[in-house]
Amino acid sequence: MTTENVIAERGKSVTIRYTIILEDGTRIREGATKPLTFKIGGRKILPALEEGVVGMRVNEVKQIPVSSEQGYGRYKEELVIKVDRKMFPDDIKIVPGRTVQYQNRDGERANFVVQVVENDKVVLDGNHPLAGQNLVYEVELVSL
């Protein structure tokens, strides 16, 4: 059997490279991603992306749409919180875009991104940066 006839199937390990394209056409992570190896059906990556790779051949490039529901979920306003600046040590520079870890009263920890720094308050966003966005993954199958 020649490699041209070999396709990605459930249960096989594959290696891909990908670029994420936002709805406005902005390409993110282009060329910055290392090849990603996973087993199709292993549930280690987004299921829609796994399913989109099925049937691909080595060196084939394909655009795989991933809705916000299939990807990183809807944007949840309840994950945007305002906390006192004094909750952070004085030696930590709190600036928009910085990722910080927040611990709730139950001891659960989560990563948040600083959105706004006001005088004595900090607005944190616990949503995934791609939450609420429909995406297109441009995928190249590197190997089977």
C-alpha atoms as a PDB file:
ATOM      1  CA  MET A   1       0.000   0.000   0.000  1.00  0.00           C
ATOM      2  CA  THR A   2       1.406   3.404  -0.929  1.00  0.00           C
ATOM      3  CA  THR A   3       1.286   6.288   1.480  1.00  0.00           C
ATOM      4  CA  GLU A   4      -1.024   8.160  -0.914  1.00  0.00           C
ATOM      5  CA  ASN A   5      -3.784   5.694  -0.059  1.00  0.00           C
ATOM      6  CA  VAL A   6      -3.298   5.975   3.707  1.00  0.00           C
ATOM      7  CA  ILE A   7      -5.776   8.269   5.402  1.00  0.00           C
ATOM      8  CA  ALA A   8      -6.318   9.437   8.951  1.00  0.00           C
ATOM      9  CA  GLU A   9      -8.811   7.181  10.709  1.00  0.00           C
ATOM     10  CA  ARG A  10     -10.266   6.866  14.197  1.00  0.00           C
ATOM     11  CA  GLY A  11      -7.828   5.073  16.471  1.00  0.00           C
ATOM     12  CA  LYS A  12      -4.735   6.191  14.528  1.00  0.00           C
ATOM     13  CA  SER A  13      -2.123   8.572  15.880  1.00  0.00           C
ATOM     14  CA  VAL A  14      -1.599  11.626  13.709  1.00  0.00           C
ATOM     15  CA  THR A  15       0.599  14.697  13.758  1.00  0.00           C
ATOM     16  CA  ILE A  16      -0.742  18.038  12.553  1.00  0.00           C
ATOM     17  CA  ARG A  17       0.281  21.684  12.296  1.00  0.00           C
ATOM     18  CA  TYR A  18      -2.454  24.287  12.493  1.00  0.00           C
ATOM     19  CA  THR A  19      -3.341  27.936  12.322  1.00  0.00           C
ATOM     20  CA  ILE A  20      -6.457  29.364  13.985  1.00  0.00           C
ATOM     21  CA  ILE A  21      -8.478  31.815  11.904  1.00  0.00           C
ATOM     22  CA  LEU A  22     -10.966  34.142  13.607  1.00  0.00           C
ATOM     23  CA  GLU A  23     -14.272  35.163  12.025  1.00  0.00           C
ATOM     24  CA  ASP A  24     -12.793  38.475  10.890  1.00  0.00           C
ATOM     25  CA  GLY A  25     -10.033  36.618   9.016  1.00  0.00           C
ATOM     26  CA  THR A  26      -7.306  37.310  11.567  1.00  0.00           C
ATOM     27  CA  ARG A  27      -4.864  34.417  11.659  1.00  0.00           C
ATOM     28  CA  ILE A  28      -3.473  33.563  15.076  1.00  0.00           C
ATOM     29  CA  ARG A  29      -0.791  31.122  16.072  1.00  0.00           C
ATOM     30  CA  GLU A  30       0.256  30.968  12.443  1.00  0.00           C
ATOM     31  CA  GLY A  31       3.494  29.058  12.140  1.00  0.00           C
ATOM     32  CA  ALA A  32       4.014  29.361  15.893  1.00  0.00           C
ATOM     33  CA  THR A  33       2.628  25.969  16.744  1.00  0.00           C
ATOM     34  CA  LYS A  34       4.825  22.954  17.131  1.00  0.00           C
ATOM     35  CA  PRO A  35       3.466  19.855  15.459  1.00  0.00           C
ATOM     36  CA  LEU A  36       0.711  18.351  17.604  1.00  0.00           C
ATOM     37  CA  THR A  37       0.454  14.559  17.884  1.00  0.00           C
ATOM     38  CA  PHE A  38      -2.713  12.866  19.131  1.00  0.00           C
ATOM     39  CA  LYS A  39      -4.775   9.716  18.701  1.00  0.00           C
ATOM     40  CA  ILE A  40      -8.024  10.284  16.800  1.00  0.00           C
ATOM     41  CA  GLY A  41     -10.773   9.417  19.265  1.00  0.00           C
ATOM     42  CA  GLY A  42      -8.453   9.850  22.249  1.00  0.00           C
ATOM     43  CA  ARG A  43     -10.344  12.953  23.372  1.00  0.00           C
ATOM     44  CA  LYS A  44      -7.171  14.970  23.984  1.00  0.00           C
ATOM     45  CA  ILE A  45      -8.142  17.848  21.659  1.00  0.00           C
ATOM     46  CA  LEU A  46     -11.380  19.501  20.571  1.00  0.00           C
ATOM     47  CA  PRO A  47     -13.690  16.745  19.251  1.00  0.00           C
ATOM     48  CA  ALA A  48     -14.647  18.848  16.197  1.00  0.00           C
ATOM     49  CA  LEU A  49     -10.981  19.180  15.295  1.00  0.00           C
ATOM     50  CA  GLU A  50     -10.387  15.448  15.791  1.00  0.00           C
ATOM     51  CA  GLU A  51     -13.361  14.620  13.592  1.00  0.00           C
ATOM     52  CA  GLY A  52     -12.228  17.081  10.924  1.00  0.00           C
ATOM     53  CA  VAL A  53      -8.887  15.312  10.551  1.00  0.00           C
ATOM     54  CA  VAL A  54     -10.569  11.982   9.729  1.00  0.00           C
ATOM     55  CA  GLY A  55     -10.068  11.185   6.040  1.00  0.00           C
ATOM     56  CA  MET A  56      -7.085  13.493   5.538  1.00  0.00           C
ATOM     57  CA  ARG A  57      -3.890  12.379   3.802  1.00  0.00           C
ATOM     58  CA  VAL A  58      -0.306  13.326   4.701  1.00  0.00           C
ATOM     59  CA  ASN A  59       0.582  16.850   3.465  1.00  0.00           C
ATOM     60  CA  GLU A  60      -3.089  17.654   2.867  1.00  0.00           C
ATOM     61  CA  VAL A  61      -4.273  21.039   4.166  1.00  0.00           C
ATOM     62  CA  LYS A  62      -7.898  21.452   5.219  1.00  0.00           C
ATOM     63  CA  GLN A  63      -9.986  24.150   6.864  1.00  0.00           C
ATOM     64  CA  ILE A  64     -12.062  22.809   9.742  1.00  0.00           C
ATOM     65  CA  PRO A  65     -14.802  25.084  11.132  1.00  0.00           C
ATOM     66  CA  VAL A  66     -15.281  24.945  14.899  1.00  0.00           C
ATOM     67  CA  SER A  67     -18.270  26.771  16.384  1.00  0.00           C
ATOM     68  CA  SER A  68     -17.944  28.450  19.772  1.00  0.00           C
ATOM     69  CA  GLU A  69     -20.063  25.655  21.277  1.00  0.00           C
ATOM     70  CA  GLN A  70     -17.722  23.020  19.800  1.00  0.00           C
ATOM     71  CA  GLY A  71     -14.646  24.977  20.792  1.00  0.00           C
ATOM     72  CA  TYR A  72     -14.133  27.034  23.915  1.00  0.00           C
ATOM     73  CA  GLY A  73     -17.768  27.606  24.832  1.00  0.00           C
ATOM     74  CA  ARG A  74     -19.866  30.714  25.045  1.00  0.00           C
ATOM     75  CA  TYR A  75     -18.500  33.857  26.653  1.00  0.00           C
ATOM     76  CA  LYS A  76     -19.769  33.923  30.248  1.00  0.00           C
ATOM     77  CA  GLU A  77     -20.179  37.363  31.809  1.00  0.00           C
ATOM     78  CA  GLU A  78     -20.279  35.708  35.228  1.00  0.00           C
ATOM     79  CA  LEU A  79     -16.578  34.834  34.797  1.00  0.00           C
ATOM     80  CA  VAL A  80     -15.678  38.536  34.722  1.00  0.00           C
ATOM     81  CA  ILE A  81     -15.050  39.666  38.269  1.00  0.00           C
ATOM     82  CA  LYS A  82     -13.881  42.816  40.016  1.00  0.00           C
ATOM     83  CA  VAL A  83     -11.524  42.376  42.961  1.00  0.00           C
ATOM     84  CA  ASP A  84      -9.622  44.674  45.287  1.00  0.00           C
ATOM     85  CA  ARG A  85      -6.105  45.531  44.144  1.00  0.00           C
ATOM     86  CA  LYS A  86      -4.904  44.735  47.656  1.00  0.00           C
ATOM     87  CA  MET A  87      -5.636  41.035  46.961  1.00  0.00           C
ATOM     88  CA  PHE A  88      -2.371  40.962  44.963  1.00  0.00           C
ATOM     89  CA  PRO A  89       1.091  41.312  46.487  1.00  0.00           C
ATOM     90  CA  ASP A  90       2.559  44.800  46.082  1.00  0.00           C
ATOM     91  CA  ASP A  91       5.554  43.465  44.151  1.00  0.00           C
ATOM     92  CA  ILE A  92       3.403  41.992  41.349  1.00  0.00           C
ATOM     93  CA  LYS A  93       2.874  44.308  38.408  1.00  0.00           C
ATOM     94  CA  ILE A  94      -0.820  44.110  37.541  1.00  0.00           C
ATOM     95  CA  VAL A  95      -1.342  45.265  33.948  1.00  0.00           C
ATOM     96  CA  PRO A  96      -3.996  44.499  31.316  1.00  0.00           C
ATOM     97  CA  GLY A  97      -3.242  41.274  29.466  1.00  0.00           C
ATOM     98  CA  ARG A  98      -1.339  39.649  32.310  1.00  0.00           C
ATOM     99  CA  THR A  99      -2.526  36.206  33.402  1.00  0.00           C
ATOM    100  CA  VAL A 100      -2.963  35.740  37.137  1.00  0.00           C
ATOM    101  CA  GLN A 101      -4.153  32.853  39.237  1.00  0.00           C
ATOM    102  CA  TYR A 102      -7.182  33.488  41.405  1.00  0.00           C
ATOM    103  CA  GLN A 103      -8.283  31.338  44.320  1.00  0.00           C
ATOM    104  CA  ASN A 104     -11.904  31.424  45.448  1.00  0.00           C
ATOM    105  CA  ARG A 105     -13.212  30.925  48.994  1.00  0.00           C
ATOM    106  CA  ASP A 106     -13.411  27.158  48.422  1.00  0.00           C
ATOM    107  CA  GLY A 107      -9.724  26.982  47.529  1.00  0.00           C
ATOM    108  CA  GLU A 108     -10.340  26.325  43.827  1.00  0.00           C
ATOM    109  CA  ARG A 109      -7.810  27.997  41.548  1.00  0.00           C
ATOM    110  CA  ALA A 110      -8.376  29.352  38.069  1.00  0.00           C
ATOM    111  CA  ASN A 111      -6.434  31.457  35.592  1.00  0.00           C
ATOM    112  CA  PHE A 112      -7.774  34.922  34.851  1.00  0.00           C
ATOM    113  CA  VAL A 113      -6.607  37.633  32.492  1.00  0.00           C
ATOM    114  CA  VAL A 114      -6.361  41.182  33.820  1.00  0.00           C
ATOM    115  CA  GLN A 115      -8.752  43.314  31.748  1.00  0.00           C
ATOM    116  CA  VAL A 116      -8.759  46.679  33.510  1.00  0.00           C
ATOM    117  CA  VAL A 117      -6.794  48.167  36.376  1.00  0.00           C
ATOM    118  CA  GLU A 118      -8.690  50.919  38.156  1.00  0.00           C
ATOM    119  CA  ASN A 119      -7.476  52.858  41.214  1.00  0.00           C
ATOM    120  CA  ASP A 120      -8.121  50.197  43.833  1.00  0.00           C
ATOM    121  CA  LYS A 121      -9.958  47.596  41.748  1.00  0.00           C
ATOM    122  CA  VAL A 122      -8.872  45.041  39.135  1.00  0.00           C
ATOM    123  CA  VAL A 123     -11.230  43.531  36.556  1.00  0.00           C
ATOM    124  CA  LEU A 124     -10.374  39.877  35.815  1.00  0.00           C
ATOM    125  CA  ASP A 125     -11.741  37.674  33.043  1.00  0.00           C
ATOM    126  CA  GLY A 126     -11.861  33.902  33.591  1.00  0.00           C
ATOM    127  CA  ASN A 127     -13.095  33.063  30.093  1.00  0.00           C
ATOM    128  CA  HIS A 128     -10.795  31.297  27.656  1.00  0.00           C
ATOM    129  CA  PRO A 129      -9.452  33.964  25.260  1.00  0.00           C
ATOM    130  CA  LEU A 130     -11.291  32.245  22.379  1.00  0.00           C
ATOM    131  CA  ALA A 131     -14.592  31.745  24.236  1.00  0.00           C
ATOM    132  CA  GLY A 132     -17.636  32.880  22.280  1.00  0.00           C
ATOM    133  CA  GLN A 133     -15.836  32.843  18.940  1.00  0.00           C
ATOM    134  CA  ASN A 134     -16.474  30.709  15.900  1.00  0.00           C
ATOM    135  CA  LEU A 135     -13.118  29.578  14.569  1.00  0.00           C
ATOM    136  CA  VAL A 136     -11.575  27.906  11.557  1.00  0.00           C
ATOM    137  CA  TYR A 137      -8.598  25.640  12.099  1.00  0.00           C
ATOM    138  CA  GLU A 138      -6.386  25.430   9.032  1.00  0.00           C
ATOM    139  CA  VAL A 139      -4.784  22.028   9.495  1.00  0.00           C
ATOM    140  CA  GLU A 140      -1.918  20.334   7.697  1.00  0.00           C
ATOM    141  CA  LEU A 141      -1.588  16.589   8.314  1.00  0.00           C
ATOM    142  CA  VAL A 142       2.150  16.115   8.847  1.00  0.00           C
ATOM    143  CA  SER A 143       2.252  12.367   9.479  1.00  0.00           C
ATOM    144  CA  LEU A 144       0.289   9.261  10.297  1.00  0.00           C
END
